[in-house]
Amino acid sequence: MTTAKANVREIHVAVGVIVREGRVLIARRPDHVHQGGMLEFPGGKVEPEETVQAALVREIAEETGLQIPVESLHPVIGIRHDYGDKRVFLDVWRTEQAQGEAHGLEGQPVEWMSPENLRDEDFPAANRPIIQALQLPFFLAITGGINTSEIGLKQLQKALSSAATGEKVRLVLLRAPGMAKADYDFLAEAALDVCEAAGAQLLVHGSLGVFDDNPDAAGLHLPWHEAQKLEARPVPEGVLLGVSCHNANEINHAVAMGADYVTLGPVKPTATHPGTAALGWAQFRELVACAPIPVFGLGGLEPTDLDAVQQAGGQGVAGIRYWWP
């Protein structure tokens, strides 16, 4: 590293994901500033001796006129990014309780946009994991034990109609590790129709070959023993890629290969893996803080743990027991 590079100071930036009626507030950067003309989430630099929450409340008021109750802010994700000429740490927080009407008080256009309409190429590169976090749900529903395709489909239909999360299931991970591949492919094809009818997306689980045989799935989730064999992203952009992780090295590998999200656990002790040591909330928080992509907490968690996961900086809860019959 050159001396000039080493002396580049990291800028701590508070970023606000302000949600209202399912849409998020977006601004356009002035043409004369760094990354000018691109879209961004509102926020600004954290001043010395200022908390990130205080900075966000101040910046949002100055930029848009909105008033943010500080107690309504929840962490979303932390992202470190090197642009070459500057390094930034984006400290991203979310609220759904902004008060007032939004205006571009610094001359910048602002608008409320649906998360589904946000495109990576319209934003600075550092913002892109925020878009991914917004487009992912708070719950990743994983299928439990499936013995046959016929029974598995009935279980899936029942689970989708009676999920205990308090919201509609939007993302299902079809996990059936004991099933023969031909049977799994048959199940996946039928499960795609079941999920589509319920308004949910389906992820397949296993090796790249599983996705190759089920290309209509929304994405592929790699167990760690499959992910560790790969050095690069195995599926196209626009297809979700998840990885099961248990420690910092595995998270770093998933990030390097271009994963869109990871599951991390077990956070709590589980009956299904009694010999596996739980991370606990403190270690979960530490690992999430170093992950520049969304992290789902996994292992012994219920929908009621969502707030604890998000306070630790996680995306949401992944699991089987809370929804699978």
Protein backbone atom coordinates (compact mmCIF):
# COMPACT_ATOMS: atom_id res chain seq x y z
CA MET A 1 0.00 0.00 0.00
CA THR A 2 1.38 3.43 -0.88
CA THR A 3 1.80 6.09 1.80
CA ALA A 4 -0.84 8.27 0.15
CA LYS A 5 -3.28 5.35 0.13
CA ALA A 6 -2.57 4.52 3.76
CA ASN A 7 -3.27 8.11 4.79
CA VAL A 8 -6.75 8.19 3.26
CA ARG A 9 -9.12 8.74 6.16
CA GLU A 10 -12.31 6.72 6.43
CA ILE A 11 -15.41 8.91 6.47
CA HIS A 12 -18.21 7.79 8.81
CA VAL A 13 -21.55 8.42 7.10
CA ALA A 14 -24.99 8.03 8.67
CA VAL A 15 -27.51 6.74 6.13
CA GLY A 16 -31.27 6.74 6.54
CA VAL A 17 -33.65 4.18 5.08
CA ILE A 18 -36.91 6.09 5.59
CA VAL A 19 -39.91 3.93 4.81
CA ARG A 20 -43.49 5.15 4.40
CA GLU A 21 -46.36 2.98 3.13
CA GLY A 22 -43.93 0.47 1.68
CA ARG A 23 -41.86 3.05 -0.22
CA VAL A 24 -38.45 4.45 0.63
CA LEU A 25 -37.20 8.04 0.37
CA ILE A 26 -34.52 8.53 -2.30
CA ALA A 27 -32.56 11.67 -3.25
CA ARG A 28 -30.35 12.55 -6.22
CA ARG A 29 -26.80 13.72 -5.52
CA PRO A 30 -25.87 17.20 -6.84
CA ASP A 31 -23.79 17.08 -10.01
CA HIS A 32 -20.79 18.85 -8.46
CA VAL A 33 -20.17 16.40 -5.57
CA HIS A 34 -18.51 12.97 -5.45
CA GLN A 35 -20.63 10.46 -7.45
CA GLY A 36 -22.74 13.41 -8.61
CA GLY A 37 -26.00 12.72 -10.45
CA MET A 38 -26.52 9.31 -8.86
CA LEU A 39 -29.35 8.36 -6.55
CA GLU A 40 -28.71 7.93 -2.84
CA PHE A 41 -30.32 7.33 0.51
CA PRO A 42 -30.38 10.55 2.55
CA GLY A 43 -27.89 11.14 5.34
CA GLY A 44 -24.49 12.66 5.91
CA LYS A 45 -21.20 12.70 7.76
CA VAL A 46 -21.11 11.94 11.47
CA GLU A 47 -19.39 14.83 13.24
CA PRO A 48 -16.80 14.32 16.01
CA GLU A 49 -18.37 13.44 19.38
CA GLU A 50 -21.75 12.87 17.65
CA THR A 51 -23.64 9.57 17.75
CA VAL A 52 -24.73 8.09 14.47
CA GLN A 53 -28.37 8.38 15.51
CA ALA A 54 -27.99 12.08 16.38
CA ALA A 55 -26.20 12.68 13.07
CA LEU A 56 -28.98 10.99 11.17
CA VAL A 57 -31.74 12.96 12.90
CA ARG A 58 -29.83 16.20 12.17
CA GLU A 59 -28.96 15.40 8.56
CA ILE A 60 -32.46 14.21 7.64
CA ALA A 61 -33.99 17.38 9.10
CA GLU A 62 -31.49 19.60 7.25
CA GLU A 63 -31.86 17.78 3.93
CA THR A 64 -35.56 16.93 3.82
CA GLY A 65 -37.39 18.66 6.68
CA LEU A 66 -38.51 15.31 8.09
CA GLN A 67 -38.37 14.78 11.83
CA ILE A 68 -37.06 11.39 12.95
CA PRO A 69 -37.83 10.11 16.48
CA VAL A 70 -34.43 8.81 17.54
CA GLU A 71 -35.98 5.84 19.35
CA SER A 72 -37.57 4.69 16.07
CA LEU A 73 -34.20 4.02 14.41
CA HIS A 74 -33.08 0.41 13.91
CA PRO A 75 -29.74 -0.66 12.43
CA VAL A 76 -29.86 -2.14 8.93
CA ILE A 77 -26.30 -2.79 7.80
CA GLY A 78 -22.78 -1.39 8.01
CA ILE A 79 -20.77 -1.12 4.78
CA ARG A 80 -17.12 -0.23 4.29
CA HIS A 81 -16.22 0.74 0.74
CA ASP A 82 -13.05 1.99 -0.93
CA TYR A 83 -13.71 4.22 -3.95
CA GLY A 84 -9.99 4.65 -4.59
CA ASP A 85 -9.96 8.37 -3.86
CA LYS A 86 -11.91 8.03 -0.61
CA ARG A 87 -13.01 5.38 1.88
CA VAL A 88 -16.42 5.44 3.54
CA PHE A 89 -18.20 3.57 6.29
CA LEU A 90 -21.95 3.67 5.65
CA ASP A 91 -23.78 3.22 8.96
CA VAL A 92 -27.32 2.46 7.79
CA TRP A 93 -30.42 2.83 9.99
CA ARG A 94 -34.12 2.39 9.23
CA THR A 95 -37.28 4.09 10.46
CA GLU A 96 -40.93 3.93 9.52
CA GLN A 97 -41.94 6.82 11.79
CA ALA A 98 -40.62 9.91 9.99
CA GLN A 99 -42.87 12.91 10.63
CA GLY A 100 -43.73 15.64 8.13
CA GLU A 101 -43.49 15.97 4.36
CA ALA A 102 -40.22 15.42 2.52
CA HIS A 103 -38.68 18.26 0.51
CA GLY A 104 -35.25 18.68 -1.07
CA LEU A 105 -34.15 21.56 1.14
CA GLU A 106 -30.67 21.65 -0.43
CA GLY A 107 -32.02 21.79 -3.98
CA GLN A 108 -31.84 18.03 -4.53
CA PRO A 109 -34.79 16.14 -6.03
CA VAL A 110 -36.37 13.64 -3.61
CA GLU A 111 -39.00 10.99 -4.23
CA TRP A 112 -40.60 7.95 -2.60
CA MET A 113 -39.76 4.77 -4.51
CA SER A 114 -40.75 1.13 -4.23
CA PRO A 115 -37.76 -1.03 -3.18
CA GLU A 116 -38.47 -3.32 -6.15
CA ASN A 117 -37.79 -0.40 -8.52
CA LEU A 118 -34.34 0.44 -7.11
CA ARG A 119 -31.54 -0.53 -9.50
CA ASP A 120 -27.92 -1.05 -8.51
CA GLU A 121 -26.54 0.90 -11.44
CA ASP A 122 -28.38 4.09 -10.38
CA PHE A 123 -26.58 4.22 -7.03
CA PRO A 124 -22.95 4.53 -5.91
CA ALA A 125 -21.42 1.07 -5.51
CA ALA A 126 -21.33 1.33 -1.71
CA ASN A 127 -25.14 1.69 -1.62
CA ARG A 128 -25.88 -1.56 -3.38
CA PRO A 129 -25.98 -3.84 -0.31
CA ILE A 130 -28.61 -1.46 1.11
CA ILE A 131 -30.78 -2.12 -1.93
CA GLN A 132 -30.35 -5.86 -1.42
CA ALA A 133 -31.38 -5.53 2.22
CA LEU A 134 -34.50 -3.57 1.22
CA GLN A 135 -35.50 -6.11 -1.41
CA LEU A 136 -35.12 -9.08 0.93
CA PRO A 137 -37.87 -9.94 3.43
CA PHE A 138 -37.36 -10.07 7.19
CA PHE A 139 -38.09 -13.82 7.31
CA LEU A 140 -36.42 -16.63 5.37
CA ALA A 141 -38.72 -19.64 5.67
CA ILE A 142 -36.83 -22.96 5.45
CA THR A 143 -38.64 -26.24 4.81
CA GLY A 144 -38.32 -28.99 7.41
CA GLY A 145 -38.10 -32.73 7.03
CA ILE A 146 -39.54 -33.91 3.70
CA ASN A 147 -39.81 -37.64 3.01
CA THR A 148 -41.65 -37.68 -0.31
CA SER A 149 -42.58 -35.10 -2.92
CA GLU A 150 -46.30 -35.64 -2.38
CA ILE A 151 -46.14 -35.14 1.36
CA GLY A 152 -43.68 -32.27 0.97
CA LEU A 153 -46.04 -30.37 -1.30
CA LYS A 154 -48.92 -30.77 1.14
CA GLN A 155 -46.70 -29.56 3.97
CA LEU A 156 -45.59 -26.57 1.88
CA GLN A 157 -49.16 -25.58 1.04
CA LYS A 158 -50.16 -25.82 4.69
CA ALA A 159 -47.13 -23.87 5.87
CA LEU A 160 -47.69 -21.05 3.38
CA SER A 161 -51.31 -20.69 4.46
CA SER A 162 -50.64 -20.64 8.20
CA ALA A 163 -47.26 -18.97 8.70
CA ALA A 164 -46.75 -17.62 12.22
CA THR A 165 -44.57 -14.65 11.31
CA GLY A 166 -47.39 -12.12 11.28
CA GLU A 167 -46.77 -11.38 7.61
CA LYS A 168 -47.04 -13.27 4.35
CA VAL A 169 -44.15 -15.59 3.58
CA ARG A 170 -42.20 -14.05 0.70
CA LEU A 171 -39.10 -16.24 0.44
CA VAL A 172 -38.92 -20.02 0.86
CA LEU A 173 -35.77 -22.14 0.96
CA LEU A 174 -36.56 -25.67 -0.25
CA ARG A 175 -34.20 -27.76 1.85
CA ALA A 176 -34.44 -31.57 1.65
CA PRO A 177 -30.86 -32.89 2.01
CA GLY A 178 -31.89 -36.55 2.38
CA MET A 179 -33.88 -36.63 -0.84
CA ALA A 180 -32.50 -38.13 -4.05
CA LYS A 181 -31.71 -35.47 -6.67
CA ALA A 182 -34.31 -36.67 -9.16
CA ASP A 183 -36.98 -36.55 -6.45
CA TYR A 184 -35.80 -33.13 -5.31
CA ASP A 185 -35.98 -31.75 -8.85
CA PHE A 186 -39.52 -33.08 -9.23
CA LEU A 187 -40.46 -31.51 -5.88
CA ALA A 188 -38.83 -28.19 -6.78
CA GLU A 189 -40.72 -27.92 -10.06
CA ALA A 190 -44.06 -28.43 -8.31
CA ALA A 191 -43.06 -26.22 -5.36
CA LEU A 192 -42.39 -23.33 -7.74
CA ASP A 193 -46.06 -23.36 -8.75
CA VAL A 194 -47.21 -23.60 -5.13
CA CYS A 195 -45.02 -20.68 -4.06
CA GLU A 196 -45.99 -18.56 -7.06
CA ALA A 197 -49.68 -19.04 -6.24
CA ALA A 198 -48.96 -17.88 -2.68
CA GLY A 199 -46.95 -14.85 -3.79
CA ALA A 200 -43.64 -16.27 -2.55
CA GLN A 201 -40.29 -16.85 -4.23
CA LEU A 202 -38.50 -20.20 -4.05
CA LEU A 203 -34.80 -20.78 -3.46
CA VAL A 204 -33.29 -24.16 -4.19
CA HIS A 205 -30.70 -25.67 -1.86
CA GLY A 206 -27.53 -27.57 -2.69
CA SER A 207 -24.90 -27.49 -5.42
CA LEU A 208 -24.82 -25.40 -8.58
CA GLY A 209 -26.19 -28.41 -10.44
CA VAL A 210 -29.43 -28.12 -8.48
CA PHE A 211 -29.96 -24.60 -9.79
CA ASP A 212 -28.94 -25.58 -13.32
CA ASP A 213 -31.76 -28.15 -13.25
CA ASN A 214 -34.22 -25.63 -11.75
CA PRO A 215 -33.41 -22.35 -13.56
CA ASP A 216 -36.82 -20.82 -12.84
CA ALA A 217 -36.07 -20.67 -9.11
CA ALA A 218 -35.48 -17.22 -7.60
CA GLY A 219 -32.05 -18.27 -6.46
CA LEU A 220 -29.64 -20.79 -4.99
CA HIS A 221 -28.66 -21.29 -1.37
CA LEU A 222 -25.31 -23.02 -0.91
CA PRO A 223 -24.56 -25.07 2.21
CA TRP A 224 -21.05 -24.29 3.41
CA HIS A 225 -19.57 -27.56 2.11
CA GLU A 226 -20.60 -26.48 -1.39
CA ALA A 227 -19.69 -22.79 -1.04
CA GLN A 228 -16.15 -23.54 0.09
CA LYS A 229 -15.42 -25.22 -3.25
CA LEU A 230 -16.17 -22.03 -5.20
CA GLU A 231 -14.10 -18.90 -5.75
CA ALA A 232 -16.53 -16.90 -7.88
CA ARG A 233 -20.26 -16.28 -8.07
CA PRO A 234 -21.81 -19.37 -9.71
CA VAL A 235 -25.13 -17.82 -10.75
CA PRO A 236 -25.95 -14.69 -12.81
CA GLU A 237 -26.64 -11.28 -11.32
CA GLY A 238 -30.34 -10.92 -10.63
CA VAL A 239 -30.50 -14.45 -9.22
CA LEU A 240 -30.32 -14.58 -5.43
CA LEU A 241 -27.27 -16.32 -3.97
CA GLY A 242 -27.15 -17.27 -0.30
CA VAL A 243 -24.58 -19.14 1.78
CA SER A 244 -24.84 -20.91 5.14
CA CYS A 245 -22.12 -19.50 7.41
CA HIS A 246 -20.98 -20.11 10.97
CA ASN A 247 -17.94 -17.86 11.49
CA ALA A 248 -16.08 -14.82 10.14
CA ASN A 249 -13.95 -16.75 7.65
CA GLU A 250 -17.00 -18.31 6.06
CA ILE A 251 -18.75 -14.93 5.83
CA ASN A 252 -15.65 -13.40 4.21
CA HIS A 253 -15.58 -16.22 1.65
CA ALA A 254 -19.27 -15.74 0.86
CA VAL A 255 -18.75 -12.00 0.38
CA ALA A 256 -15.71 -12.56 -1.86
CA MET A 257 -17.63 -14.93 -4.11
CA GLY A 258 -20.48 -12.46 -4.54
CA ALA A 259 -23.21 -13.79 -2.25
CA ASP A 260 -26.29 -11.61 -1.82
CA TYR A 261 -26.94 -12.72 1.76
CA VAL A 262 -25.81 -15.26 4.34
CA THR A 263 -27.44 -17.18 7.14
CA LEU A 264 -25.44 -17.19 10.38
CA GLY A 265 -25.87 -19.47 13.34
CA PRO A 266 -26.79 -21.17 15.44
CA VAL A 267 -27.56 -18.06 17.47
CA LYS A 268 -29.25 -20.11 20.21
CA PRO A 269 -28.98 -23.79 21.18
CA THR A 270 -31.11 -26.03 18.97
CA ALA A 271 -32.68 -29.44 19.56
CA THR A 272 -31.72 -30.55 16.05
CA HIS A 273 -27.99 -29.88 16.63
CA PRO A 274 -27.49 -30.45 20.38
CA GLY A 275 -23.71 -30.77 20.10
CA THR A 276 -23.20 -27.49 18.23
CA ALA A 277 -22.13 -24.50 20.33
CA ALA A 278 -24.42 -21.49 19.97
CA LEU A 279 -22.94 -18.14 18.98
CA GLY A 280 -24.98 -16.11 21.45
CA TRP A 281 -26.13 -12.57 20.79
CA ALA A 282 -22.80 -10.85 21.52
CA GLN A 283 -20.85 -12.91 18.99
CA PHE A 284 -23.67 -12.72 16.47
CA ARG A 285 -23.55 -8.91 16.73
CA GLU A 286 -19.76 -8.87 16.26
CA LEU A 287 -19.91 -11.07 13.18
CA VAL A 288 -22.79 -9.12 11.63
CA ALA A 289 -20.88 -5.85 12.14
CA CYS A 290 -18.15 -7.11 9.81
CA ALA A 291 -20.51 -8.42 7.11
CA PRO A 292 -21.15 -5.99 4.22
CA ILE A 293 -24.17 -8.01 3.03
CA PRO A 294 -27.48 -8.88 4.71
CA VAL A 295 -27.32 -11.55 7.44
CA PHE A 296 -30.21 -13.75 8.57
CA GLY A 297 -29.95 -15.10 12.10
CA LEU A 298 -30.50 -18.87 12.25
CA GLY A 299 -30.81 -21.46 14.98
CA GLY A 300 -33.36 -21.59 17.77
CA LEU A 301 -35.00 -18.31 16.73
CA GLU A 302 -38.68 -17.42 16.60
CA PRO A 303 -40.50 -14.52 14.93
CA THR A 304 -40.39 -12.75 18.31
CA ASP A 305 -36.58 -12.63 17.98
CA LEU A 306 -36.79 -10.36 14.92
CA ASP A 307 -36.24 -7.17 16.91
CA ALA A 308 -33.18 -8.63 18.66
CA VAL A 309 -31.72 -9.74 15.31
CA GLN A 310 -32.27 -6.32 13.77
CA GLN A 311 -30.90 -4.49 16.81
CA ALA A 312 -27.76 -6.58 16.24
CA GLY A 313 -27.65 -5.35 12.63
CA GLY A 314 -29.10 -8.48 11.04
CA GLN A 315 -31.59 -8.64 8.19
CA GLY A 316 -34.06 -10.97 9.86
CA VAL A 317 -34.86 -14.48 11.04
CA ALA A 318 -34.31 -17.71 9.13
CA GLY A 319 -35.74 -20.94 10.45
CA ILE A 320 -37.89 -24.03 10.22
CA ARG A 321 -39.80 -24.54 13.45
CA TYR A 322 -41.74 -21.30 13.51
CA TRP A 323 -43.63 -22.00 10.28
CA TRP A 324 -43.18 -25.62 9.13
CA PRO A 325 -45.98 -28.04 10.10
